[in-house]
Protein backbone atom coordinates (compact mmCIF):
# COMPACT_ATOMS: atom_id res chain seq x y z
CA GLY A 1 67.68 -15.15 127.44
CA GLN A 2 64.79 -13.09 128.43
CA ILE A 3 61.68 -15.00 129.57
CA GLU A 4 58.36 -14.61 128.00
CA GLY A 5 57.01 -11.97 129.26
CA CYS A 6 60.06 -10.19 131.12
CA ILE A 7 60.30 -6.74 130.92
CA GLU A 8 63.85 -6.70 132.75
CA CYS A 9 62.80 -4.44 135.45
CA HIS A 10 64.75 -6.52 138.01
CA GLU A 11 62.18 -6.28 140.55
CA CYS A 12 61.76 -10.12 141.24
CA ALA A 13 65.42 -9.84 142.19
CA LYS A 14 64.73 -7.39 144.69
CA ARG A 15 61.62 -8.96 146.30
CA CYS A 16 63.47 -12.45 146.42
CA GLU A 17 64.10 -12.59 150.14
CA ALA A 18 66.62 -15.91 149.48
CA ASN A 19 68.77 -13.72 146.93
CA ALA A 20 68.22 -16.46 144.51
CA ILE A 21 68.04 -14.75 141.17
CA ALA A 22 71.46 -13.64 139.60
CA TYR A 23 70.88 -11.86 136.17
CA THR A 24 74.61 -12.08 135.47
CA MET A 25 74.73 -16.06 136.05
CA GLN A 26 76.17 -17.89 132.99
CA ASP A 27 76.20 -21.41 131.99
CA GLU A 28 79.00 -23.56 133.02
CA HIS A 29 79.82 -27.23 133.39
CA ILE A 30 80.56 -28.45 136.59
CA GLU A 31 82.09 -32.20 137.76
CA ILE A 32 80.17 -33.48 140.71
CA ASP A 33 81.44 -36.86 142.69
CA ALA A 34 78.01 -38.25 143.30
CA GLY A 35 76.95 -41.28 145.19
CA ALA A 36 73.72 -41.43 143.36
CA ILE A 37 71.92 -40.21 140.53
CA ILE A 38 67.86 -39.64 139.89
CA LEU A 39 66.82 -38.87 136.56
CA ALA A 40 64.03 -36.60 136.42
CA THR A 41 64.16 -35.12 132.88
CA GLY A 42 60.25 -34.79 132.26
CA LEU A 43 58.64 -35.40 128.83
CA ASP A 44 58.90 -33.51 125.42
CA LEU A 45 55.95 -33.38 123.06
CA TYR A 46 55.30 -35.66 119.99
CA ASP A 47 55.33 -34.38 116.66
CA VAL A 48 51.96 -34.36 115.20
CA SER A 49 52.96 -33.24 111.63
CA PRO A 50 53.17 -36.78 110.22
CA LEU A 51 49.46 -37.46 111.25
CA THR A 52 48.11 -35.53 108.41
CA GLU A 53 44.43 -36.73 108.54
CA TYR A 54 44.22 -34.12 111.25
CA GLY A 55 45.15 -30.96 109.31
CA TYR A 56 47.56 -29.66 111.73
CA GLY A 57 49.80 -27.03 110.01
CA LYS A 58 47.43 -26.61 107.48
CA ILE A 59 43.97 -26.16 108.82
CA LYS A 60 44.62 -22.64 110.73
CA ASN A 61 41.73 -23.75 113.79
CA VAL A 62 43.58 -27.05 114.41
CA VAL A 63 45.63 -26.74 117.52
CA THR A 64 47.69 -28.49 119.78
CA ALA A 65 46.61 -29.19 123.26
CA ILE A 66 49.57 -26.89 124.62
CA GLU A 67 48.88 -24.49 121.94
CA PHE A 68 45.37 -24.32 123.35
CA GLU A 69 46.60 -24.16 126.96
CA ARG A 70 48.63 -20.90 125.59
CA LEU A 71 45.45 -19.42 124.19
CA THR A 72 43.84 -19.32 127.69
CA ALA A 73 46.89 -18.17 129.61
CA ALA A 74 47.11 -14.70 131.21
CA SER A 75 50.99 -14.18 129.75
CA GLY A 76 49.80 -15.73 126.23
CA PRO A 77 49.67 -14.44 122.74
CA THR A 78 46.07 -13.33 123.33
CA PHE A 79 46.44 -12.35 126.89
CA GLY A 80 43.94 -14.95 128.21
CA GLU A 81 41.44 -14.21 125.69
CA LEU A 82 40.28 -17.47 124.04
CA LYS A 83 40.58 -16.56 120.45
CA ARG A 84 40.99 -19.03 117.43
CA PRO A 85 44.10 -18.21 114.98
CA SER A 86 42.40 -17.86 111.63
CA ASP A 87 40.11 -14.54 112.58
CA GLY A 88 40.44 -13.95 116.57
CA LYS A 89 37.04 -14.82 117.07
CA ILE A 90 35.89 -16.60 120.09
CA PRO A 91 35.04 -20.33 119.46
CA HIS A 92 31.96 -21.42 121.01
CA ALA A 93 32.08 -25.15 119.82
CA ILE A 94 35.62 -27.01 120.41
CA ALA A 95 36.41 -30.70 119.41
CA PHE A 96 39.21 -31.87 121.50
CA ILE A 97 40.94 -35.23 119.80
CA GLN A 98 42.64 -37.50 122.14
CA CYS A 99 45.55 -39.93 121.35
CA VAL A 100 46.79 -38.24 118.46
CA GLY A 101 50.10 -40.23 118.06
CA SER A 102 49.20 -42.11 121.33
CA ARG A 103 47.92 -45.73 121.41
CA ASP A 104 49.04 -46.08 117.71
CA PHE A 105 51.25 -48.71 116.40
CA LYS A 106 52.35 -46.64 113.69
CA HIS A 107 53.83 -43.92 116.37
CA LYS A 108 53.55 -44.39 119.97
CA ALA A 109 51.92 -47.58 121.11
CA TYR A 110 51.88 -46.41 124.74
CA CYS A 111 48.88 -44.61 126.39
CA SER A 112 50.15 -40.89 127.50
CA SER A 113 48.34 -41.17 130.81
CA VAL A 114 47.67 -37.55 131.08
CA CYS A 115 45.40 -36.34 128.02
CA CYS A 116 41.88 -37.36 129.09
CA MET A 117 41.74 -35.51 132.20
CA HIS A 118 44.01 -32.38 130.47
CA ALA A 119 41.49 -32.13 128.15
CA THR A 120 38.72 -32.29 130.36
CA LYS A 121 40.59 -29.61 132.30
CA GLU A 122 41.11 -27.24 128.96
CA ALA A 123 37.42 -28.00 128.39
CA ILE A 124 36.38 -26.67 131.58
CA LEU A 125 38.60 -23.63 131.25
CA ALA A 126 37.09 -22.81 127.76
CA TYR A 127 33.62 -22.78 129.66
CA GLU A 128 34.99 -20.56 132.33
CA HIS A 129 36.27 -18.08 129.91
CA HIS A 130 33.18 -18.20 127.98
CA PRO A 131 30.37 -19.43 129.29
CA GLY A 132 28.13 -21.54 127.43
CA THR A 133 30.96 -22.97 125.53
CA LYS A 134 30.03 -26.32 123.98
CA SER A 135 33.20 -28.80 124.20
CA THR A 136 33.23 -32.55 122.73
CA ILE A 137 35.83 -34.87 123.55
CA PHE A 138 36.30 -37.70 121.19
CA TYR A 139 38.23 -40.90 123.19
CA MET A 140 39.29 -44.19 122.49
CA ASP A 141 38.66 -44.95 126.28
CA LEU A 142 38.27 -42.65 129.09
CA ARG A 143 40.99 -43.28 131.46
CA ALA A 144 40.09 -41.38 134.81
CA VAL A 145 41.82 -43.55 137.14
CA GLY A 146 43.22 -40.80 139.84
CA LYS A 147 41.79 -39.85 142.91
CA ARG A 148 38.43 -38.11 142.33
CA PHE A 149 39.20 -38.03 138.40
CA GLN A 150 35.90 -39.64 137.62
CA GLU A 151 33.93 -37.05 139.50
CA TYR A 152 36.01 -34.31 137.82
CA VAL A 153 34.46 -36.04 134.87
CA THR A 154 30.94 -35.90 135.55
CA ARG A 155 31.17 -32.43 137.05
CA ALA A 156 32.41 -31.72 133.39
CA LYS A 157 29.55 -33.25 131.44
CA GLU A 158 26.74 -31.89 134.21
CA ASP A 159 27.98 -28.22 134.83
CA TYR A 160 30.29 -27.16 131.87
CA ASN A 161 28.64 -28.24 128.43
CA VAL A 162 31.21 -31.04 127.97
CA THR A 163 30.23 -34.00 125.67
CA TYR A 164 32.37 -37.23 125.59
CA ILE A 165 31.91 -39.51 122.45
CA ARG A 166 33.97 -43.02 122.28
CA SER A 167 35.51 -42.52 118.81
CA ARG A 168 38.52 -42.16 117.24
CA PRO A 169 38.16 -39.45 114.31
CA GLY A 170 39.52 -40.54 111.01
CA MET A 171 39.84 -36.69 109.59
CA VAL A 172 39.42 -33.10 110.13
CA ALA A 173 38.62 -31.40 106.95
CA VAL A 174 37.73 -27.58 106.77
CA ASN A 175 34.61 -25.46 105.53
CA PRO A 176 36.42 -22.80 103.27
CA GLU A 177 33.60 -20.66 103.81
CA ASN A 178 34.11 -20.01 107.24
CA GLN A 179 37.16 -21.90 107.91
CA ASN A 180 35.55 -24.03 110.76
CA PRO A 181 36.99 -27.49 110.86
CA ILE A 182 34.88 -30.60 110.27
CA VAL A 183 35.46 -33.89 112.59
CA TRP A 184 34.56 -37.02 110.52
CA TYR A 185 34.03 -39.83 112.96
CA GLU A 186 32.59 -42.97 113.58
CA ASP A 187 29.95 -43.27 116.49
CA THR A 188 31.46 -46.65 117.91
CA THR A 189 27.97 -46.91 120.03
CA THR A 190 25.76 -46.82 116.91
CA THR A 191 28.52 -47.86 114.12
CA GLU A 192 27.58 -44.82 111.92
CA THR A 193 29.85 -42.37 110.42
CA LYS A 194 29.02 -38.61 111.15
CA ASN A 195 30.49 -35.51 111.07
CA MET A 196 30.79 -32.38 113.05
CA GLU A 197 31.47 -28.84 112.16
CA VAL A 198 33.39 -27.02 115.18
CA ASP A 199 34.98 -23.46 115.38
CA LEU A 200 38.30 -25.29 116.84
CA VAL A 201 39.68 -28.47 117.09
CA VAL A 202 42.78 -29.45 119.74
CA LEU A 203 44.73 -32.17 119.34
CA CYS A 204 45.90 -33.92 122.62
CA GLN A 205 49.23 -35.38 121.44
CA ALA A 206 51.33 -38.20 122.67
CA MET A 207 53.91 -37.14 125.13
CA THR A 208 57.68 -39.06 125.23
CA PRO A 209 60.33 -39.02 127.56
CA ARG A 210 62.86 -35.98 127.17
CA GLY A 211 66.65 -36.77 126.53
CA SER A 212 66.39 -40.51 127.49
CA LYS A 213 68.30 -42.06 124.86
CA GLU A 214 71.25 -39.60 125.40
CA LEU A 215 71.21 -40.31 129.07
CA ALA A 216 70.99 -44.03 128.47
CA GLU A 217 74.26 -43.84 126.48
CA ILE A 218 76.05 -41.61 128.90
CA LEU A 219 75.06 -43.29 131.95
CA ASP A 220 75.37 -46.75 130.31
CA ILE A 221 71.57 -47.69 131.49
CA LYS A 222 68.78 -49.63 129.68
CA LEU A 223 65.71 -47.97 128.61
CA ASN A 224 62.45 -50.65 127.21
CA GLU A 225 60.73 -50.63 123.87
CA TYR A 226 59.35 -47.28 124.43
CA GLY A 227 62.23 -45.27 125.36
CA PHE A 228 61.55 -45.24 129.16
CA VAL A 229 64.13 -46.13 131.56
CA GLU A 230 64.12 -49.92 132.18
CA VAL A 231 62.96 -50.85 135.61
CA PRO A 232 64.24 -54.68 136.07
CA ASP A 233 62.29 -55.23 139.28
CA LYS A 234 58.90 -53.13 139.15
CA LEU A 235 57.51 -54.78 142.47
CA SER A 236 60.22 -54.42 145.21
CA HIS A 237 62.54 -51.41 143.46
CA PRO A 238 60.07 -49.54 141.43
CA VAL A 239 62.48 -46.59 140.70
CA ASP A 240 65.81 -48.09 140.14
CA SER A 241 67.32 -48.53 136.76
CA THR A 242 69.43 -51.46 135.12
CA ARG A 243 72.41 -49.92 136.76
CA PRO A 244 73.08 -49.64 140.53
CA GLY A 245 72.79 -46.16 142.15
CA ILE A 246 70.89 -44.77 139.20
CA PHE A 247 67.10 -44.11 139.85
CA ALA A 248 64.53 -42.62 137.65
CA CYS A 249 61.00 -40.62 138.58
CA GLY A 250 58.68 -38.94 136.62
CA TYR A 251 57.90 -39.17 132.80
CA VAL A 252 61.05 -40.50 131.97
CA HIS A 253 60.31 -43.61 134.55
CA SER A 254 56.87 -44.02 132.73
CA PRO A 255 53.80 -42.09 131.44
CA ARG A 256 52.14 -40.72 134.50
CA ASP A 257 50.63 -37.27 135.99
CA ILE A 258 52.37 -34.74 138.43
CA PRO A 259 50.83 -36.03 141.86
CA ASP A 260 52.04 -39.56 140.62
CA SER A 261 55.66 -37.64 139.87
CA VAL A 262 55.82 -36.19 142.95
CA THR A 263 55.12 -39.54 144.94
CA GLN A 264 57.77 -41.19 142.75
CA GLY A 265 60.46 -38.28 143.28
CA SER A 266 59.89 -39.03 147.18
CA GLY A 267 60.57 -42.71 146.51
CA ALA A 268 63.76 -42.17 144.48
CA ALA A 269 64.99 -39.42 146.88
CA ALA A 270 64.42 -42.09 149.59
CA ARG A 271 66.51 -44.77 147.59
CA ALA A 272 69.20 -42.42 146.77
CA ALA A 273 69.74 -41.68 150.41
CA GLU A 274 69.53 -45.34 151.18
CA VAL A 275 72.12 -46.22 148.63
CA ILE A 276 74.48 -43.24 149.72
CA ALA A 277 74.01 -44.48 153.40
CA GLY A 278 75.57 -47.76 152.65
CA GLY A 279 72.27 -49.63 151.87
CA ASN A 280 71.51 -51.87 148.60
């Protein structure tokens, strides 16, 4: 089907020196005799509708992180203009709620790994679109463990008007007069119950391994309790599955960001080459 934003001018096919674009190509099933298999199916986003306390789907100015990303994208529905859904106004106060569905035994008990930095990046994007925008990130534990991640968080605080509040909001209500969301939360540093009225709420939802259950049945491999590929020997064979010759990398293996996924992909490719060459 047509890709969003594509006007079917075929200009990309003319400019592709490798002749890698074929508009007439159709889907087909191909059987391959493979010496090794690498699973790299990526992630899916957890449906936040069951978490009714946050008002998603009922309060117009409550969106998910991926929807917010589209609002800031040049190819998005607002052509890169950050406008809130209810009235098209520019939001000057934004609240990001972390771990929506993550670290929750009723939903997904694990940490999704990337949300803290993703929210920080989106808060910075909001400020760059409209300088002066005030972003507040409600978090359980700030997990900025990658290279220079903590420096990035510090820069967000100092240069981009981002505030971090250690709290897990209990409810998002709405002001009927202006459609502004109202975030109710406990400030864990003071143990006080507070509320904050903002123009827009962004829910940073849990992420899940894509297609892992179906692949596990097809390939006869095991998954762990959270649905990620089971790795029997995490120390000496960190990308091996429970079946020899089948390897995993990226989010289907375990929660991780893009740099970690790239590194792990290189490791999986090396293991596949080793097996094909006759190694163990």
